[in-house]
Every structure is written in structure tokens, then in C-alpha cells.
Amino acid sequence: MPPTLTCPQCGSSNIVTYDFAKKICGAVGAFLGTVLSLSAAIAMSRRSPIPTPSHPVVLTGQAGEFLRLVVFGAATGYTAGLKLGQAIDENLIENFECMTCGCTFSKTDPDHIGI
């Protein structure tokens, strides 16, 4: 059986997590991923040939590639941000709160794991 989180002050297992860093880093990562991939997509589109009326598929293909690149960049940035935020939440800030006594603590507090 995995260890459960317990309050270091009162011993209760009625614990909630806030995950502030995970939420913020995920949003910032998605934004930065979108901006960077949008910048790359614009730079790539400027180097591509200009579509002509006789080749409308070229425009559709470019638009699809453009959109795929931007969505991929946003998803990659979001995932990286979530991982960073999770590490911050678990190790650096007091992410847990006891609903019984109101004590806040982090996973690195020495008395938080009960057996």
C-alpha cells in the first residue's frame, strides 16, 4: 500500500493540493510554445513559393502545416510547463493544506508521510 499524505501538525489525512505552479507554468508554457511556433511558422511561410490560382492545394497545404506547427508548439510548451510546475509544487512550495487544522506544508517536510 502506498504511503498517504498526513498533516505534520495534527496527523489527519484530509489533505488537498493546490498545484498553483503547475497551473501557472502550464499556461505560460502553452503561451510561449504558441508564440515561438507561430514565429517559426511565419518565417517558414515567407520562404515558401507564392501559390497561384492554378495550384490552390498549395495554399491549403501551407495553411494546414502552419496550423499543425502552432498547435504542436502550444501542446509541447504546455506539457513542458506542467512538468516544471509539478516539480516546483512537489519540492519547493507548500502545495498541501490540511482541511482539519489548516496547516500548509510541502512534500519535503520531514513528517508528512504516514504509514
PDB file of N, CA and C in Angstrom:
ATOM      1  N   MET A   1       0.851  -1.183   0.000  1.00  0.00           N
ATOM      2  CA  MET A   1       0.000   0.000   0.000  1.00  0.00           C
ATOM      3  C   MET A   1       0.892   1.240   0.000  1.00  0.00           C
ATOM      4  N   PRO A   2       0.634   2.200  -0.935  1.00  0.00           N
ATOM      5  CA  PRO A   2       1.475   3.398  -0.993  1.00  0.00           C
ATOM      6  C   PRO A   2       1.254   4.279   0.234  1.00  0.00           C
ATOM      7  N   PRO A   3       2.284   5.010   0.627  1.00  0.00           N
ATOM      8  CA  PRO A   3       2.127   5.896   1.778  1.00  0.00           C
ATOM      9  C   PRO A   3       1.152   7.023   1.458  1.00  0.00           C
ATOM     10  N   THR A   4       0.408   7.449   2.455  1.00  0.00           N
ATOM     11  CA  THR A   4      -0.542   8.538   2.267  1.00  0.00           C
ATOM     12  C   THR A   4      -0.005   9.796   2.919  1.00  0.00           C
ATOM     13  N   LEU A   5      -0.422  10.912   2.374  1.00  0.00           N
ATOM     14  CA  LEU A   5      -0.018  12.182   2.970  1.00  0.00           C
ATOM     15  C   LEU A   5      -0.793  12.402   4.253  1.00  0.00           C
ATOM     16  N   THR A   6      -0.092  12.804   5.282  1.00  0.00           N
ATOM     17  CA  THR A   6      -0.731  13.166   6.542  1.00  0.00           C
ATOM     18  C   THR A   6      -0.203  14.521   6.981  1.00  0.00           C
ATOM     19  N   CYS A   7      -0.999  15.223   7.712  1.00  0.00           N
ATOM     20  CA  CYS A   7      -0.629  16.544   8.210  1.00  0.00           C
ATOM     21  C   CYS A   7       0.471  16.394   9.263  1.00  0.00           C
ATOM     22  N   PRO A   8       1.567  17.146   9.143  1.00  0.00           N
ATOM     23  CA  PRO A   8       2.633  17.056  10.139  1.00  0.00           C
ATOM     24  C   PRO A   8       2.224  17.647  11.483  1.00  0.00           C
ATOM     25  N   GLN A   9       1.141  18.424  11.517  1.00  0.00           N
ATOM     26  CA  GLN A   9       0.719  19.064  12.762  1.00  0.00           C
ATOM     27  C   GLN A   9      -0.308  18.226  13.532  1.00  0.00           C
ATOM     28  N   CYS A  10      -1.356  17.724  12.821  1.00  0.00           N
ATOM     29  CA  CYS A  10      -2.417  17.009  13.531  1.00  0.00           C
ATOM     30  C   CYS A  10      -2.526  15.534  13.137  1.00  0.00           C
ATOM     31  N   GLY A  11      -1.830  15.106  12.080  1.00  0.00           N
ATOM     32  CA  GLY A  11      -1.860  13.712  11.659  1.00  0.00           C
ATOM     33  C   GLY A  11      -3.035  13.330  10.773  1.00  0.00           C
ATOM     34  N   SER A  12      -3.882  14.281  10.403  1.00  0.00           N
ATOM     35  CA  SER A  12      -5.046  13.998   9.571  1.00  0.00           C
ATOM     36  C   SER A  12      -4.616  13.674   8.141  1.00  0.00           C
ATOM     37  N   SER A  13      -5.402  12.841   7.452  1.00  0.00           N
ATOM     38  CA  SER A  13      -5.132  12.538   6.049  1.00  0.00           C
ATOM     39  C   SER A  13      -6.110  13.277   5.127  1.00  0.00           C
ATOM     40  N   ASN A  14      -6.835  14.232   5.672  1.00  0.00           N
ATOM     41  CA  ASN A  14      -7.773  15.051   4.907  1.00  0.00           C
ATOM     42  C   ASN A  14      -6.999  16.213   4.280  1.00  0.00           C
ATOM     43  N   ILE A  15      -6.265  15.915   3.201  1.00  0.00           N
ATOM     44  CA  ILE A  15      -5.325  16.851   2.592  1.00  0.00           C
ATOM     45  C   ILE A  15      -5.798  17.228   1.193  1.00  0.00           C
ATOM     46  N   VAL A  16      -5.659  18.517   0.834  1.00  0.00           N
ATOM     47  CA  VAL A  16      -5.933  18.990  -0.525  1.00  0.00           C
ATOM     48  C   VAL A  16      -4.651  19.574  -1.113  1.00  0.00           C
ATOM     49  N   THR A  17      -4.556  19.533  -2.438  1.00  0.00           N
ATOM     50  CA  THR A  17      -3.415  20.147  -3.121  1.00  0.00           C
ATOM     51  C   THR A  17      -3.917  21.315  -3.952  1.00  0.00           C
ATOM     52  N   TYR A  18      -3.058  22.299  -4.129  1.00  0.00           N
ATOM     53  CA  TYR A  18      -3.445  23.490  -4.887  1.00  0.00           C
ATOM     54  C   TYR A  18      -2.842  23.525  -6.283  1.00  0.00           C
ATOM     55  N   ASP A  19      -1.642  23.032  -6.466  1.00  0.00           N
ATOM     56  CA  ASP A  19      -0.970  22.971  -7.769  1.00  0.00           C
ATOM     57  C   ASP A  19      -0.917  24.323  -8.473  1.00  0.00           C
ATOM     58  N   PHE A  20      -0.610  25.385  -7.719  1.00  0.00           N
ATOM     59  CA  PHE A  20      -0.518  26.718  -8.322  1.00  0.00           C
ATOM     60  C   PHE A  20       0.568  26.781  -9.387  1.00  0.00           C
ATOM     61  N   ALA A  21       1.755  26.281  -9.068  1.00  0.00           N
ATOM     62  CA  ALA A  21       2.877  26.355 -10.020  1.00  0.00           C
ATOM     63  C   ALA A  21       2.574  25.547 -11.278  1.00  0.00           C
ATOM     64  N   LYS A  22       1.918  24.407 -11.110  1.00  0.00           N
ATOM     65  CA  LYS A  22       1.579  23.562 -12.263  1.00  0.00           C
ATOM     66  C   LYS A  22       0.640  24.298 -13.208  1.00  0.00           C
ATOM     67  N   LYS A  23      -0.346  24.976 -12.659  1.00  0.00           N
ATOM     68  CA  LYS A  23      -1.313  25.712 -13.484  1.00  0.00           C
ATOM     69  C   LYS A  23      -0.647  26.901 -14.175  1.00  0.00           C
ATOM     70  N   ILE A  24       0.141  27.650 -13.426  1.00  0.00           N
ATOM     71  CA  ILE A  24       0.787  28.839 -13.993  1.00  0.00           C
ATOM     72  C   ILE A  24       1.824  28.443 -15.040  1.00  0.00           C
ATOM     73  N   CYS A  25       2.674  27.478 -14.716  1.00  0.00           N
ATOM     74  CA  CYS A  25       3.717  27.058 -15.664  1.00  0.00           C
ATOM     75  C   CYS A  25       3.115  26.426 -16.914  1.00  0.00           C
ATOM     76  N   GLY A  26       2.012  25.696 -16.772  1.00  0.00           N
ATOM     77  CA  GLY A  26       1.341  25.120 -17.937  1.00  0.00           C
ATOM     78  C   GLY A  26       0.811  26.204 -18.868  1.00  0.00           C
ATOM     79  N   ALA A  27       0.197  27.232 -18.292  1.00  0.00           N
ATOM     80  CA  ALA A  27      -0.332  28.328 -19.108  1.00  0.00           C
ATOM     81  C   ALA A  27       0.790  29.116 -19.783  1.00  0.00           C
ATOM     82  N   VAL A  28       1.842  29.420 -19.022  1.00  0.00           N
ATOM     83  CA  VAL A  28       2.971  30.160 -19.593  1.00  0.00           C
ATOM     84  C   VAL A  28       3.655  29.323 -20.672  1.00  0.00           C
ATOM     85  N   GLY A  29       3.816  28.030 -20.424  1.00  0.00           N
ATOM     86  CA  GLY A  29       4.429  27.145 -21.418  1.00  0.00           C
ATOM     87  C   GLY A  29       3.621  27.076 -22.700  1.00  0.00           C
ATOM     88  N   ALA A  30       2.301  26.999 -22.570  1.00  0.00           N
ATOM     89  CA  ALA A  30       1.442  26.965 -23.763  1.00  0.00           C
ATOM     90  C   ALA A  30       1.550  28.277 -24.534  1.00  0.00           C
ATOM     91  N   PHE A  31       1.568  29.391 -23.819  1.00  0.00           N
ATOM     92  CA  PHE A  31       1.694  30.689 -24.474  1.00  0.00           C
ATOM     93  C   PHE A  31       3.032  30.804 -25.200  1.00  0.00           C
ATOM     94  N   LEU A  32       4.121  30.473 -24.505  1.00  0.00           N
ATOM     95  CA  LEU A  32       5.442  30.575 -25.127  1.00  0.00           C
ATOM     96  C   LEU A  32       5.590  29.604 -26.295  1.00  0.00           C
ATOM     97  N   GLY A  33       5.059  28.398 -26.159  1.00  0.00           N
ATOM     98  CA  GLY A  33       5.104  27.435 -27.252  1.00  0.00           C
ATOM     99  C   GLY A  33       4.345  27.930 -28.463  1.00  0.00           C
ATOM    100  N   THR A  34       3.207  28.568 -28.229  1.00  0.00           N
ATOM    101  CA  THR A  34       2.414  29.116 -29.326  1.00  0.00           C
ATOM    102  C   THR A  34       3.161  30.258 -30.014  1.00  0.00           C
ATOM    103  N   VAL A  35       3.713  31.167 -29.214  1.00  0.00           N
ATOM    104  CA  VAL A  35       4.419  32.316 -29.787  1.00  0.00           C
ATOM    105  C   VAL A  35       5.639  31.866 -30.583  1.00  0.00           C
ATOM    106  N   LEU A  36       6.426  30.961 -30.014  1.00  0.00           N
ATOM    107  CA  LEU A  36       7.630  30.509 -30.705  1.00  0.00           C
ATOM    108  C   LEU A  36       7.302  29.732 -31.984  1.00  0.00           C
ATOM    109  N   SER A  37       6.309  28.871 -31.917  1.00  0.00           N
ATOM    110  CA  SER A  37       5.957  28.102 -33.118  1.00  0.00           C
ATOM    111  C   SER A  37       5.272  28.989 -34.152  1.00  0.00           C
ATOM    112  N   LEU A  38       4.511  29.974 -33.711  1.00  0.00           N
ATOM    113  CA  LEU A  38       3.902  30.926 -34.636  1.00  0.00           C
ATOM    114  C   LEU A  38       4.994  31.719 -35.351  1.00  0.00           C
ATOM    115  N   SER A  39       5.996  32.127 -34.615  1.00  0.00           N
ATOM    116  CA  SER A  39       7.131  32.830 -35.214  1.00  0.00           C
ATOM    117  C   SER A  39       7.844  31.956 -36.248  1.00  0.00           C
ATOM    118  N   ALA A  40       8.065  30.700 -35.904  1.00  0.00           N
ATOM    119  CA  ALA A  40       8.719  29.779 -36.847  1.00  0.00           C
ATOM    120  C   ALA A  40       7.842  29.535 -38.068  1.00  0.00           C
ATOM    121  N   ALA A  41       6.542  29.414 -37.863  1.00  0.00           N
ATOM    122  CA  ALA A  41       5.627  29.171 -38.987  1.00  0.00           C
ATOM    123  C   ALA A  41       5.594  30.375 -39.923  1.00  0.00           C
ATOM    124  N   ILE A  42       5.608  31.570 -39.371  1.00  0.00           N
ATOM    125  CA  ILE A  42       5.618  32.772 -40.210  1.00  0.00           C
ATOM    126  C   ILE A  42       6.918  32.849 -41.001  1.00  0.00           C
ATOM    127  N   ALA A  43       8.029  32.550 -40.342  1.00  0.00           N
ATOM    128  CA  ALA A  43       9.316  32.569 -41.041  1.00  0.00           C
ATOM    129  C   ALA A  43       9.346  31.529 -42.162  1.00  0.00           C
ATOM    130  N   MET A  44       8.781  30.361 -41.914  1.00  0.00           N
ATOM    131  CA  MET A  44       8.741  29.317 -42.947  1.00  0.00           C
ATOM    132  C   MET A  44       7.837  29.725 -44.106  1.00  0.00           C
ATOM    133  N   SER A  45       6.728  30.386 -43.804  1.00  0.00           N
ATOM    134  CA  SER A  45       5.790  30.755 -44.866  1.00  0.00           C
ATOM    135  C   SER A  45       6.374  31.834 -45.776  1.00  0.00           C
ATOM    136  N   ARG A  46       7.249  32.648 -45.244  1.00  0.00           N
ATOM    137  CA  ARG A  46       7.862  33.693 -46.066  1.00  0.00           C
ATOM    138  C   ARG A  46       8.852  33.118 -47.073  1.00  0.00           C
ATOM    139  N   ARG A  47       9.396  31.943 -46.770  1.00  0.00           N
ATOM    140  CA  ARG A  47      10.350  31.309 -47.667  1.00  0.00           C
ATOM    141  C   ARG A  47       9.685  30.412 -48.697  1.00  0.00           C
ATOM    142  N   SER A  48       8.403  30.128 -48.538  1.00  0.00           N
ATOM    143  CA  SER A  48       7.727  29.208 -49.458  1.00  0.00           C
ATOM    144  C   SER A  48       7.270  29.948 -50.720  1.00  0.00           C
ATOM    145  N   PRO A  49       7.062  29.212 -51.795  1.00  0.00           N
ATOM    146  CA  PRO A  49       6.619  29.853 -53.034  1.00  0.00           C
ATOM    147  C   PRO A  49       5.204  30.407 -52.908  1.00  0.00           C
ATOM    148  N   ILE A  50       4.942  31.450 -53.649  1.00  0.00           N
ATOM    149  CA  ILE A  50       3.616  32.080 -53.635  1.00  0.00           C
ATOM    150  C   ILE A  50       2.654  31.196 -54.430  1.00  0.00           C
ATOM    151  N   PRO A  51       1.495  30.831 -53.841  1.00  0.00           N
ATOM    152  CA  PRO A  51       0.545  29.983 -54.559  1.00  0.00           C
ATOM    153  C   PRO A  51      -0.115  30.744 -55.717  1.00  0.00           C
ATOM    154  N   THR A  52      -0.465  30.032 -56.746  1.00  0.00           N
ATOM    155  CA  THR A  52      -1.143  30.617 -57.905  1.00  0.00           C
ATOM    156  C   THR A  52      -2.554  30.045 -57.977  1.00  0.00           C
ATOM    157  N   PRO A  53      -3.447  30.694 -58.706  1.00  0.00           N
ATOM    158  CA  PRO A  53      -4.810  30.166 -58.822  1.00  0.00           C
ATOM    159  C   PRO A  53      -4.855  28.766 -59.431  1.00  0.00           C
ATOM    160  N   SER A  54      -3.856  28.415 -60.205  1.00  0.00           N
ATOM    161  CA  SER A  54      -3.870  27.074 -60.809  1.00  0.00           C
ATOM    162  C   SER A  54      -3.437  26.000 -59.812  1.00  0.00           C
ATOM    163  N   HIS A  55      -2.879  26.398 -58.665  1.00  0.00           N
ATOM    164  CA  HIS A  55      -2.449  25.443 -57.640  1.00  0.00           C
ATOM    165  C   HIS A  55      -3.013  25.820 -56.267  1.00  0.00           C
ATOM    166  N   PRO A  56      -4.345  25.753 -56.067  1.00  0.00           N
ATOM    167  CA  PRO A  56      -4.917  26.143 -54.780  1.00  0.00           C
ATOM    168  C   PRO A  56      -4.577  25.165 -53.653  1.00  0.00           C
ATOM    169  N   VAL A  57      -4.173  23.934 -53.998  1.00  0.00           N
ATOM    170  CA  VAL A  57      -3.829  22.940 -52.984  1.00  0.00           C
ATOM    171  C   VAL A  57      -2.595  23.369 -52.198  1.00  0.00           C
ATOM    172  N   VAL A  58      -1.715  24.104 -52.849  1.00  0.00           N
ATOM    173  CA  VAL A  58      -0.507  24.582 -52.191  1.00  0.00           C
ATOM    174  C   VAL A  58      -0.865  25.458 -51.000  1.00  0.00           C
ATOM    175  N   LEU A  59      -1.842  26.354 -51.186  1.00  0.00           N
ATOM    176  CA  LEU A  59      -2.266  27.233 -50.104  1.00  0.00           C
ATOM    177  C   LEU A  59      -2.881  26.419 -48.965  1.00  0.00           C
ATOM    178  N   THR A  60      -3.740  25.464 -49.293  1.00  0.00           N
ATOM    179  CA  THR A  60      -4.359  24.626 -48.271  1.00  0.00           C
ATOM    180  C   THR A  60      -3.308  23.838 -47.521  1.00  0.00           C
ATOM    181  N   GLY A  61      -2.337  23.278 -48.230  1.00  0.00           N
ATOM    182  CA  GLY A  61      -1.279  22.524 -47.581  1.00  0.00           C
ATOM    183  C   GLY A  61      -0.452  23.391 -46.658  1.00  0.00           C
ATOM    184  N   GLN A  62      -0.143  24.616 -47.094  1.00  0.00           N
ATOM    185  CA  GLN A  62       0.624  25.527 -46.257  1.00  0.00           C
ATOM    186  C   GLN A  62      -0.161  25.928 -45.022  1.00  0.00           C
ATOM    187  N   ALA A  63      -1.448  26.187 -45.197  1.00  0.00           N
ATOM    188  CA  ALA A  63      -2.280  26.573 -44.055  1.00  0.00           C
ATOM    189  C   ALA A  63      -2.373  25.431 -43.047  1.00  0.00           C
ATOM    190  N   GLY A  64      -2.501  24.213 -43.542  1.00  0.00           N
ATOM    191  CA  GLY A  64      -2.550  23.057 -42.655  1.00  0.00           C
ATOM    192  C   GLY A  64      -1.252  22.856 -41.897  1.00  0.00           C
ATOM    193  N   GLU A  65      -0.140  22.993 -42.602  1.00  0.00           N
ATOM    194  CA  GLU A  65       1.169  22.870 -41.948  1.00  0.00           C
ATOM    195  C   GLU A  65       1.360  23.976 -40.919  1.00  0.00           C
ATOM    196  N   PHE A  66       0.951  25.161 -41.260  1.00  0.00           N
ATOM    197  CA  PHE A  66       1.035  26.303 -40.359  1.00  0.00           C
ATOM    198  C   PHE A  66       0.270  26.020 -39.067  1.00  0.00           C
ATOM    199  N   LEU A  67      -0.976  25.565 -39.208  1.00  0.00           N
ATOM    200  CA  LEU A  67      -1.805  25.270 -38.045  1.00  0.00           C
ATOM    201  C   LEU A  67      -1.241  24.120 -37.225  1.00  0.00           C
ATOM    202  N   ARG A  68      -0.778  23.063 -37.885  1.00  0.00           N
ATOM    203  CA  ARG A  68      -0.194  21.932 -37.165  1.00  0.00           C
ATOM    204  C   ARG A  68       1.035  22.351 -36.366  1.00  0.00           C
ATOM    205  N   LEU A  69       1.856  23.186 -36.949  1.00  0.00           N
ATOM    206  CA  LEU A  69       3.056  23.643 -36.261  1.00  0.00           C
ATOM    207  C   LEU A  69       2.707  24.453 -35.018  1.00  0.00           C
ATOM    208  N   VAL A  70       1.735  25.337 -35.131  1.00  0.00           N
ATOM    209  CA  VAL A  70       1.339  26.170 -33.998  1.00  0.00           C
ATOM    210  C   VAL A  70       0.710  25.317 -32.889  1.00  0.00           C
ATOM    211  N   VAL A  71      -0.159  24.396 -33.241  1.00  0.00           N
ATOM    212  CA  VAL A  71      -0.802  23.537 -32.236  1.00  0.00           C
ATOM    213  C   VAL A  71       0.230  22.633 -31.564  1.00  0.00           C
ATOM    214  N   PHE A  72       1.152  22.096 -32.347  1.00  0.00           N
ATOM    215  CA  PHE A  72       2.207  21.258 -31.780  1.00  0.00           C
ATOM    216  C   PHE A  72       3.075  22.063 -30.813  1.00  0.00           C
ATOM    217  N   GLY A  73       3.409  23.284 -31.173  1.00  0.00           N
ATOM    218  CA  GLY A  73       4.213  24.140 -30.299  1.00  0.00           C
ATOM    219  C   GLY A  73       3.495  24.452 -29.003  1.00  0.00           C
ATOM    220  N   ALA A  74       2.207  24.741 -29.083  1.00  0.00           N
ATOM    221  CA  ALA A  74       1.422  25.030 -27.878  1.00  0.00           C
ATOM    222  C   ALA A  74       1.335  23.807 -26.972  1.00  0.00           C
ATOM    223  N   ALA A  75       1.091  22.644 -27.554  1.00  0.00           N
ATOM    224  CA  ALA A  75       0.983  21.412 -26.760  1.00  0.00           C
ATOM    225  C   ALA A  75       2.318  21.042 -26.111  1.00  0.00           C
ATOM    226  N   THR A  76       3.395  21.213 -26.858  1.00  0.00           N
ATOM    227  CA  THR A  76       4.717  20.913 -26.315  1.00  0.00           C
ATOM    228  C   THR A  76       5.068  21.863 -25.182  1.00  0.00           C
ATOM    229  N   GLY A  77       4.796  23.146 -25.366  1.00  0.00           N
ATOM    230  CA  GLY A  77       5.054  24.121 -24.311  1.00  0.00           C
ATOM    231  C   GLY A  77       4.220  23.862 -23.078  1.00  0.00           C
ATOM    232  N   TYR A  78       2.961  23.496 -23.270  1.00  0.00           N
ATOM    233  CA  TYR A  78       2.074  23.193 -22.143  1.00  0.00           C
ATOM    234  C   TYR A  78       2.588  21.990 -21.353  1.00  0.00           C
ATOM    235  N   THR A  79       2.979  20.945 -22.063  1.00  0.00           N
ATOM    236  CA  THR A  79       3.486  19.736 -21.394  1.00  0.00           C
ATOM    237  C   THR A  79       4.758  20.029 -20.609  1.00  0.00           C
ATOM    238  N   ALA A  80       5.672  20.771 -21.213  1.00  0.00           N
ATOM    239  CA  ALA A  80       6.912  21.125 -20.514  1.00  0.00           C
ATOM    240  C   ALA A  80       6.608  21.984 -19.291  1.00  0.00           C
ATOM    241  N   GLY A  81       5.670  22.919 -19.425  1.00  0.00           N
ATOM    242  CA  GLY A  81       5.283  23.757 -18.298  1.00  0.00           C
ATOM    243  C   GLY A  81       4.661  22.957 -17.167  1.00  0.00           C
ATOM    244  N   LEU A  82       3.838  21.971 -17.501  1.00  0.00           N
ATOM    245  CA  LEU A  82       3.232  21.125 -16.471  1.00  0.00           C
ATOM    246  C   LEU A  82       4.290  20.356 -15.683  1.00  0.00           C
ATOM    247  N   LYS A  83       5.267  19.809 -16.392  1.00  0.00           N
ATOM    248  CA  LYS A  83       6.335  19.056 -15.725  1.00  0.00           C
ATOM    249  C   LYS A  83       7.127  19.955 -14.785  1.00  0.00           C
ATOM    250  N   LEU A  84       7.469  21.145 -15.249  1.00  0.00           N
ATOM    251  CA  LEU A  84       8.207  22.091 -14.410  1.00  0.00           C
ATOM    252  C   LEU A  84       7.365  22.505 -13.214  1.00  0.00           C
ATOM    253  N   GLY A  85       6.106  22.834 -13.446  1.00  0.00           N
ATOM    254  CA  GLY A  85       5.218  23.229 -12.359  1.00  0.00           C
ATOM    255  C   GLY A  85       5.013  22.128 -11.334  1.00  0.00           C
ATOM    256  N   GLN A  86       4.919  20.895 -11.795  1.00  0.00           N
ATOM    257  CA  GLN A  86       4.750  19.771 -10.884  1.00  0.00           C
ATOM    258  C   GLN A  86       5.983  19.625  -9.988  1.00  0.00           C
ATOM    259  N   ALA A  87       7.159  19.777 -10.558  1.00  0.00           N
ATOM    260  CA  ALA A  87       8.387  19.692  -9.769  1.00  0.00           C
ATOM    261  C   ALA A  87       8.446  20.809  -8.731  1.00  0.00           C
ATOM    262  N   ILE A  88       8.033  21.997  -9.122  1.00  0.00           N
ATOM    263  CA  ILE A  88       8.020  23.117  -8.179  1.00  0.00           C
ATOM    264  C   ILE A  88       7.003  22.871  -7.072  1.00  0.00           C
ATOM    265  N   ASP A  89       5.800  22.430  -7.439  1.00  0.00           N
ATOM    266  CA  ASP A  89       4.757  22.165  -6.446  1.00  0.00           C
ATOM    267  C   ASP A  89       5.179  21.095  -5.442  1.00  0.00           C
ATOM    268  N   GLU A  90       5.807  20.053  -5.925  1.00  0.00           N
ATOM    269  CA  GLU A  90       6.144  18.940  -5.043  1.00  0.00           C
ATOM    270  C   GLU A  90       7.362  19.207  -4.170  1.00  0.00           C
ATOM    271  N   ASN A  91       8.267  20.070  -4.614  1.00  0.00           N
ATOM    272  CA  ASN A  91       9.526  20.204  -3.890  1.00  0.00           C
ATOM    273  C   ASN A  91       9.827  21.572  -3.302  1.00  0.00           C
ATOM    274  N   LEU A  92       9.256  22.625  -3.848  1.00  0.00           N
ATOM    275  CA  LEU A  92       9.677  23.954  -3.415  1.00  0.00           C
ATOM    276  C   LEU A  92       8.648  24.732  -2.617  1.00  0.00           C
ATOM    277  N   ILE A  93       7.382  24.593  -2.925  1.00  0.00           N
ATOM    278  CA  ILE A  93       6.381  25.410  -2.236  1.00  0.00           C
ATOM    279  C   ILE A  93       5.466  24.541  -1.382  1.00  0.00           C
ATOM    280  N   GLU A  94       4.761  25.206  -0.480  1.00  0.00           N
ATOM    281  CA  GLU A  94       3.810  24.491   0.372  1.00  0.00           C
ATOM    282  C   GLU A  94       2.519  24.297  -0.416  1.00  0.00           C
ATOM    283  N   ASN A  95       2.430  23.163  -1.088  1.00  0.00           N
ATOM    284  CA  ASN A  95       1.347  22.874  -2.008  1.00  0.00           C
ATOM    285  C   ASN A  95       0.173  22.164  -1.341  1.00  0.00           C
ATOM    286  N   PHE A  96       0.368  21.661  -0.156  1.00  0.00           N
ATOM    287  CA  PHE A  96      -0.661  20.856   0.512  1.00  0.00           C
ATOM    288  C   PHE A  96      -1.249  21.610   1.699  1.00  0.00           C
ATOM    289  N   GLU A  97      -2.553  21.434   1.914  1.00  0.00           N
ATOM    290  CA  GLU A  97      -3.206  22.038   3.073  1.00  0.00           C
ATOM    291  C   GLU A  97      -4.080  21.007   3.760  1.00  0.00           C
ATOM    292  N   CYS A  98      -3.973  20.959   5.070  1.00  0.00           N
ATOM    293  CA  CYS A  98      -4.808  20.070   5.879  1.00  0.00           C
ATOM    294  C   CYS A  98      -6.165  20.745   6.052  1.00  0.00           C
ATOM    295  N   MET A  99      -7.218  20.052   5.689  1.00  0.00           N
ATOM    296  CA  MET A  99      -8.557  20.604   5.822  1.00  0.00           C
ATOM    297  C   MET A  99      -9.062  20.529   7.259  1.00  0.00           C
ATOM    298  N   THR A 100      -8.357  19.788   8.109  1.00  0.00           N
ATOM    299  CA  THR A 100      -8.759  19.667   9.503  1.00  0.00           C
ATOM    300  C   THR A 100      -8.250  20.842  10.330  1.00  0.00           C
ATOM    301  N   CYS A 101      -6.946  21.124  10.240  1.00  0.00           N
ATOM    302  CA  CYS A 101      -6.368  22.174  11.093  1.00  0.00           C
ATOM    303  C   CYS A 101      -5.880  23.398  10.319  1.00  0.00           C
ATOM    304  N   GLY A 102      -5.841  23.332   8.965  1.00  0.00           N
ATOM    305  CA  GLY A 102      -5.422  24.480   8.172  1.00  0.00           C
ATOM    306  C   GLY A 102      -3.926  24.605   7.961  1.00  0.00           C
ATOM    307  N   CYS A 103      -3.155  23.643   8.424  1.00  0.00           N
ATOM    308  CA  CYS A 103      -1.704  23.658   8.257  1.00  0.00           C
ATOM    309  C   CYS A 103      -1.341  23.481   6.778  1.00  0.00           C
ATOM    310  N   THR A 104      -0.391  24.282   6.287  1.00  0.00           N
ATOM    311  CA  THR A 104       0.112  24.094   4.932  1.00  0.00           C
ATOM    312  C   THR A 104       1.522  23.533   5.006  1.00  0.00           C
ATOM    313  N   PHE A 105       1.852  22.652   4.054  1.00  0.00           N
ATOM    314  CA  PHE A 105       3.164  22.010   4.067  1.00  0.00           C
ATOM    315  C   PHE A 105       3.517  21.526   2.681  1.00  0.00           C
ATOM    316  N   SER A 106       4.781  21.150   2.499  1.00  0.00           N
ATOM    317  CA  SER A 106       5.243  20.606   1.224  1.00  0.00           C
ATOM    318  C   SER A 106       5.631  19.152   1.414  1.00  0.00           C
ATOM    319  N   LYS A 107       5.884  18.465   0.312  1.00  0.00           N
ATOM    320  CA  LYS A 107       6.292  17.063   0.391  1.00  0.00           C
ATOM    321  C   LYS A 107       7.650  16.893   1.030  1.00  0.00           C
ATOM    322  N   THR A 108       8.460  17.929   0.998  1.00  0.00           N
ATOM    323  CA  THR A 108       9.794  17.831   1.569  1.00  0.00           C
ATOM    324  C   THR A 108       9.800  18.022   3.084  1.00  0.00           C
ATOM    325  N   ASP A 109       8.656  18.358   3.692  1.00  0.00           N
ATOM    326  CA  ASP A 109       8.588  18.410   5.150  1.00  0.00           C
ATOM    327  C   ASP A 109       8.825  17.014   5.695  1.00  0.00           C
ATOM    328  N   PRO A 110       9.643  16.863   6.722  1.00  0.00           N
ATOM    329  CA  PRO A 110      10.055  15.519   7.165  1.00  0.00           C
ATOM    330  C   PRO A 110       8.940  14.664   7.749  1.00  0.00           C
ATOM    331  N   ASP A 111       7.875  15.243   8.264  1.00  0.00           N
ATOM    332  CA  ASP A 111       6.852  14.451   8.967  1.00  0.00           C
ATOM    333  C   ASP A 111       5.556  14.291   8.193  1.00  0.00           C
ATOM    334  N   HIS A 112       5.551  14.446   6.875  1.00  0.00           N
ATOM    335  CA  HIS A 112       4.276  14.445   6.142  1.00  0.00           C
ATOM    336  C   HIS A 112       3.789  13.065   5.750  1.00  0.00           C
ATOM    337  N   ILE A 113       4.619  12.025   5.747  1.00  0.00           N
ATOM    338  CA  ILE A 113       4.192  10.701   5.271  1.00  0.00           C
ATOM    339  C   ILE A 113       3.829   9.814   6.449  1.00  0.00           C
ATOM    340  N   GLY A 114       2.616   9.281   6.383  1.00  0.00           N
ATOM    341  CA  GLY A 114       2.180   8.344   7.399  1.00  0.00           C
ATOM    342  C   GLY A 114       2.280   6.916   6.870  1.00  0.00           C
ATOM    343  N   ILE A 115       2.323   5.964   7.743  1.00  0.00           N
ATOM    344  CA  ILE A 115       2.446   4.562   7.322  1.00  0.00           C
ATOM    345  C   ILE A 115       1.210   3.789   7.729  1.00  0.00           C
TER     346      ILE A 115
END
